[in-house]
Amino acid sequence: MIAAVDHVQLAAPAGSEDALRAYYADVLGMTEIPKPPTLAARGGCWFGAGAVQLHLGVEADFRPAKKAHPGLRVVNIEAYAARLEARGAQVGWDGDLPGHRRFYSEDPVGNRLEFLEPEG
């Protein structure tokens, strides 16, 4: 029986780790998680915020995920969107999910991310 999602992995091109760190740590406010040495040799980086983990792994023929995406639940979505915009990230609001406020953004390599908060 599945108990929880352990992490979500997104792909990234080789050599993008510094840009990923700037976005996931500085813009989103996540903390970098050290990778085990055997996995660190493959490149990429991991990030966490509370129980949420996002792993960015190097993919040789990288293409950003434009439709597939993690949905990240946030608190005080207006302030969080303002944080991203103040740090240079684009925010695209979408009102099509009943009962939620949500927006989309892209990481520096073009992967789509959804941020949402239940209304009420």
C-alpha atoms as a PDB file:
ATOM      1  CA  MET A   1       0.000   0.000   0.000  1.00  0.00           C
ATOM      2  CA  ILE A   2       1.341   3.453  -0.885  1.00  0.00           C
ATOM      3  CA  ALA A   3       1.707   5.657   2.196  1.00  0.00           C
ATOM      4  CA  ALA A   4       3.093   8.937   0.807  1.00  0.00           C
ATOM      5  CA  VAL A   5       5.036  10.547  -1.991  1.00  0.00           C
ATOM      6  CA  ASP A   6       8.712  10.439  -1.004  1.00  0.00           C
ATOM      7  CA  HIS A   7       9.955  12.905  -3.623  1.00  0.00           C
ATOM      8  CA  VAL A   8       9.402  14.199  -7.140  1.00  0.00           C
ATOM      9  CA  GLN A   9      12.236  14.121  -9.650  1.00  0.00           C
ATOM     10  CA  LEU A  10      12.600  16.646 -12.444  1.00  0.00           C
ATOM     11  CA  ALA A  11      15.227  16.543 -15.165  1.00  0.00           C
ATOM     12  CA  ALA A  12      17.849  19.189 -15.878  1.00  0.00           C
ATOM     13  CA  PRO A  13      20.745  19.605 -18.303  1.00  0.00           C
ATOM     14  CA  ALA A  14      24.322  18.957 -17.234  1.00  0.00           C
ATOM     15  CA  GLY A  15      26.023  21.998 -15.740  1.00  0.00           C
ATOM     16  CA  SER A  16      22.804  23.709 -14.579  1.00  0.00           C
ATOM     17  CA  GLU A  17      23.306  23.068 -10.855  1.00  0.00           C
ATOM     18  CA  ASP A  18      24.256  26.662  -9.961  1.00  0.00           C
ATOM     19  CA  ALA A  19      21.169  28.067 -11.709  1.00  0.00           C
ATOM     20  CA  LEU A  20      19.001  25.416 -10.027  1.00  0.00           C
ATOM     21  CA  ARG A  21      20.442  26.274  -6.600  1.00  0.00           C
ATOM     22  CA  ALA A  22      19.763  29.967  -7.179  1.00  0.00           C
ATOM     23  CA  TYR A  23      16.133  29.244  -8.079  1.00  0.00           C
ATOM     24  CA  TYR A  24      15.134  26.458  -5.692  1.00  0.00           C
ATOM     25  CA  ALA A  25      17.007  27.844  -2.663  1.00  0.00           C
ATOM     26  CA  ASP A  26      17.069  31.605  -3.168  1.00  0.00           C
ATOM     27  CA  VAL A  27      13.807  32.142  -5.074  1.00  0.00           C
ATOM     28  CA  LEU A  28      11.601  29.346  -3.699  1.00  0.00           C
ATOM     29  CA  GLY A  29      13.195  29.263  -0.234  1.00  0.00           C
ATOM     30  CA  MET A  30      13.916  25.530  -0.208  1.00  0.00           C
ATOM     31  CA  THR A  31      16.961  23.990   1.482  1.00  0.00           C
ATOM     32  CA  GLU A  32      19.502  21.971  -0.475  1.00  0.00           C
ATOM     33  CA  ILE A  33      19.722  18.355   0.677  1.00  0.00           C
ATOM     34  CA  PRO A  34      23.163  16.747   0.302  1.00  0.00           C
ATOM     35  CA  LYS A  35      23.075  13.852  -2.144  1.00  0.00           C
ATOM     36  CA  PRO A  36      24.754  10.581  -1.204  1.00  0.00           C
ATOM     37  CA  PRO A  37      28.290  10.551  -2.697  1.00  0.00           C
ATOM     38  CA  THR A  38      27.523   7.799  -5.222  1.00  0.00           C
ATOM     39  CA  LEU A  39      24.552   9.802  -6.548  1.00  0.00           C
ATOM     40  CA  ALA A  40      26.293  13.200  -6.310  1.00  0.00           C
ATOM     41  CA  ALA A  41      28.801  11.971  -8.900  1.00  0.00           C
ATOM     42  CA  ARG A  42      25.942  11.919 -11.446  1.00  0.00           C
ATOM     43  CA  GLY A  43      25.303  15.666 -11.056  1.00  0.00           C
ATOM     44  CA  GLY A  44      22.046  17.378 -10.219  1.00  0.00           C
ATOM     45  CA  CYS A  45      20.847  18.524  -6.798  1.00  0.00           C
ATOM     46  CA  TRP A  46      18.098  17.872  -4.264  1.00  0.00           C
ATOM     47  CA  PHE A  47      15.958  20.336  -2.305  1.00  0.00           C
ATOM     48  CA  GLY A  48      13.481  20.127   0.550  1.00  0.00           C
ATOM     49  CA  ALA A  49      10.899  22.227   2.369  1.00  0.00           C
ATOM     50  CA  GLY A  50       9.171  20.477   5.275  1.00  0.00           C
ATOM     51  CA  ALA A  51       8.102  17.033   4.051  1.00  0.00           C
ATOM     52  CA  VAL A  52       8.416  18.045   0.376  1.00  0.00           C
ATOM     53  CA  GLN A  53      11.466  16.973  -1.626  1.00  0.00           C
ATOM     54  CA  LEU A  54      12.305  17.865  -5.213  1.00  0.00           C
ATOM     55  CA  HIS A  55      15.211  16.075  -6.880  1.00  0.00           C
ATOM     56  CA  LEU A  56      16.785  17.549 -10.011  1.00  0.00           C
ATOM     57  CA  GLY A  57      18.655  14.918 -12.000  1.00  0.00           C
ATOM     58  CA  VAL A  58      20.884  15.377 -15.017  1.00  0.00           C
ATOM     59  CA  GLU A  59      19.452  14.017 -18.259  1.00  0.00           C
ATOM     60  CA  ALA A  60      21.683  13.838 -21.350  1.00  0.00           C
ATOM     61  CA  ASP A  61      18.951  14.656 -23.891  1.00  0.00           C
ATOM     62  CA  PHE A  62      17.149  17.069 -21.549  1.00  0.00           C
ATOM     63  CA  ARG A  63      13.832  18.608 -22.564  1.00  0.00           C
ATOM     64  CA  PRO A  64      11.938  20.652 -19.947  1.00  0.00           C
ATOM     65  CA  ALA A  65       8.609  19.365 -18.658  1.00  0.00           C
ATOM     66  CA  LYS A  66       6.071  21.815 -20.116  1.00  0.00           C
ATOM     67  CA  LYS A  67       2.861  19.988 -19.131  1.00  0.00           C
ATOM     68  CA  ALA A  68       3.935  17.501 -16.449  1.00  0.00           C
ATOM     69  CA  HIS A  69       4.706  19.257 -13.163  1.00  0.00           C
ATOM     70  CA  PRO A  70       4.749  18.957  -9.398  1.00  0.00           C
ATOM     71  CA  GLY A  71       1.892  20.711  -7.615  1.00  0.00           C
ATOM     72  CA  LEU A  72       3.305  22.439  -4.546  1.00  0.00           C
ATOM     73  CA  ARG A  73       0.864  23.528  -1.844  1.00  0.00           C
ATOM     74  CA  VAL A  74       1.802  26.865  -0.293  1.00  0.00           C
ATOM     75  CA  VAL A  75       0.577  29.060   2.554  1.00  0.00           C
ATOM     76  CA  ASN A  76      -0.297  32.724   1.815  1.00  0.00           C
ATOM     77  CA  ILE A  77      -0.118  32.300  -1.953  1.00  0.00           C
ATOM     78  CA  GLU A  78      -0.293  36.035  -2.716  1.00  0.00           C
ATOM     79  CA  ALA A  79       2.810  36.746  -0.636  1.00  0.00           C
ATOM     80  CA  TYR A  80       4.580  33.710  -2.090  1.00  0.00           C
ATOM     81  CA  ALA A  81       3.845  34.842  -5.651  1.00  0.00           C
ATOM     82  CA  ALA A  82       5.160  38.307  -4.754  1.00  0.00           C
ATOM     83  CA  ARG A  83       8.348  36.678  -3.406  1.00  0.00           C
ATOM     84  CA  LEU A  84       8.939  34.875  -6.701  1.00  0.00           C
ATOM     85  CA  GLU A  85       8.269  37.989  -8.781  1.00  0.00           C
ATOM     86  CA  ALA A  86      10.562  40.102  -6.577  1.00  0.00           C
ATOM     87  CA  ARG A  87      13.335  37.597  -7.290  1.00  0.00           C
ATOM     88  CA  GLY A  88      12.780  37.689 -11.050  1.00  0.00           C
ATOM     89  CA  ALA A  89      10.613  34.600 -11.560  1.00  0.00           C
ATOM     90  CA  GLN A  90       7.557  34.822 -13.780  1.00  0.00           C
ATOM     91  CA  VAL A  91       4.177  34.048 -12.212  1.00  0.00           C
ATOM     92  CA  GLY A  92       1.164  33.057 -14.317  1.00  0.00           C
ATOM     93  CA  TRP A  93      -2.117  32.925 -12.409  1.00  0.00           C
ATOM     94  CA  ASP A  94      -4.723  30.312 -13.366  1.00  0.00           C
ATOM     95  CA  GLY A  95      -8.256  30.370 -11.966  1.00  0.00           C
ATOM     96  CA  ASP A  96      -9.495  27.120 -13.491  1.00  0.00           C
ATOM     97  CA  LEU A  97      -9.238  24.864 -10.412  1.00  0.00           C
ATOM     98  CA  PRO A  98     -12.381  25.285  -8.267  1.00  0.00           C
ATOM     99  CA  GLY A  99     -11.719  25.905  -4.594  1.00  0.00           C
ATOM    100  CA  HIS A 100      -8.071  26.892  -5.086  1.00  0.00           C
ATOM    101  CA  ARG A 101      -5.871  29.862  -5.902  1.00  0.00           C
ATOM    102  CA  ARG A 102      -2.973  28.791  -8.082  1.00  0.00           C
ATOM    103  CA  PHE A 103      -0.224  29.967 -10.352  1.00  0.00           C
ATOM    104  CA  TYR A 104       2.466  28.449 -12.525  1.00  0.00           C
ATOM    105  CA  SER A 105       6.126  29.322 -12.849  1.00  0.00           C
ATOM    106  CA  GLU A 106       9.155  27.786 -14.549  1.00  0.00           C
ATOM    107  CA  ASP A 107      12.524  26.919 -13.098  1.00  0.00           C
ATOM    108  CA  PRO A 108      15.634  28.261 -14.871  1.00  0.00           C
ATOM    109  CA  VAL A 109      15.809  25.248 -17.207  1.00  0.00           C
ATOM    110  CA  GLY A 110      12.142  25.510 -18.228  1.00  0.00           C
ATOM    111  CA  ASN A 111      10.416  22.905 -16.026  1.00  0.00           C
ATOM    112  CA  ARG A 112       6.834  23.840 -15.135  1.00  0.00           C
ATOM    113  CA  LEU A 113       5.888  24.152 -11.454  1.00  0.00           C
ATOM    114  CA  GLU A 114       2.394  24.644 -10.012  1.00  0.00           C
ATOM    115  CA  PHE A 115       1.836  26.452  -6.700  1.00  0.00           C
ATOM    116  CA  LEU A 116      -1.605  26.236  -5.105  1.00  0.00           C
ATOM    117  CA  GLU A 117      -3.523  27.022  -1.947  1.00  0.00           C
ATOM    118  CA  PRO A 118      -7.051  25.920  -1.064  1.00  0.00           C
ATOM    119  CA  GLU A 119      -9.512  28.803  -0.704  1.00  0.00           C
ATOM    120  CA  GLY A 120     -11.271  29.407   2.592  1.00  0.00           C
END
